[in-house]
Amino acid sequence: MRFYIVGAMIMFTLALGGCMSVFQIEGEPAQIEFDANYDSGDDYVLFTLGHPNKPCEYDILAEESHVVDPHGLSHPIVVKPHEFDLSEKYPNVRSDIFILRSEKSRRPERLSPGKWSFVLTLIQSAHVKQTYTFSVHVSKSHYSPFTDGPSN
């Protein structure tokens, strides 16, 4: 009997040990084509404006932009170009958007499930400035290679 209990505890520990959180982001239609990706191990949201294979016409003005979380709280942002895209010389360099808890703390805010609104002031190459709202729904699930099989 003890053997079965110990075996069950070991299997349970292995199953939980291999479990990780997976975040899915689904964007709502917007005036400008966009895509957003998030990995729980990163402190930023990887944001693409426009078509990924064409040069981007927009720059994000971080000081005039913010993100609204599912609870309605507004967070300032910091925007940096995605290093990999720069090193590979991609035509459309994606943006790393760091969502901050507040202007004072400057600590990154992690995404949680719910609707997030990215209120971004963009400037076009023609120096036209306009604010757009990009809404995404974040959901969280758990993945375990022991129960869900290998990832693709």
Foldseek 3Di string as FASTA:
>chain_A
DVVVVVVVVVVVCQQVVQKDKDKDKDWDDWPWDKDWDDDQVDQFIWIFTHDQQAADFKDWDQVPWWKAAQVRDTWGWDKDWDVVCVVVVGRTTIITIFTAPHPPPRHGDGHDFAKMKTFTWIAGPVRDTDTIIMIMGMDMDMDGCVPPNDDD
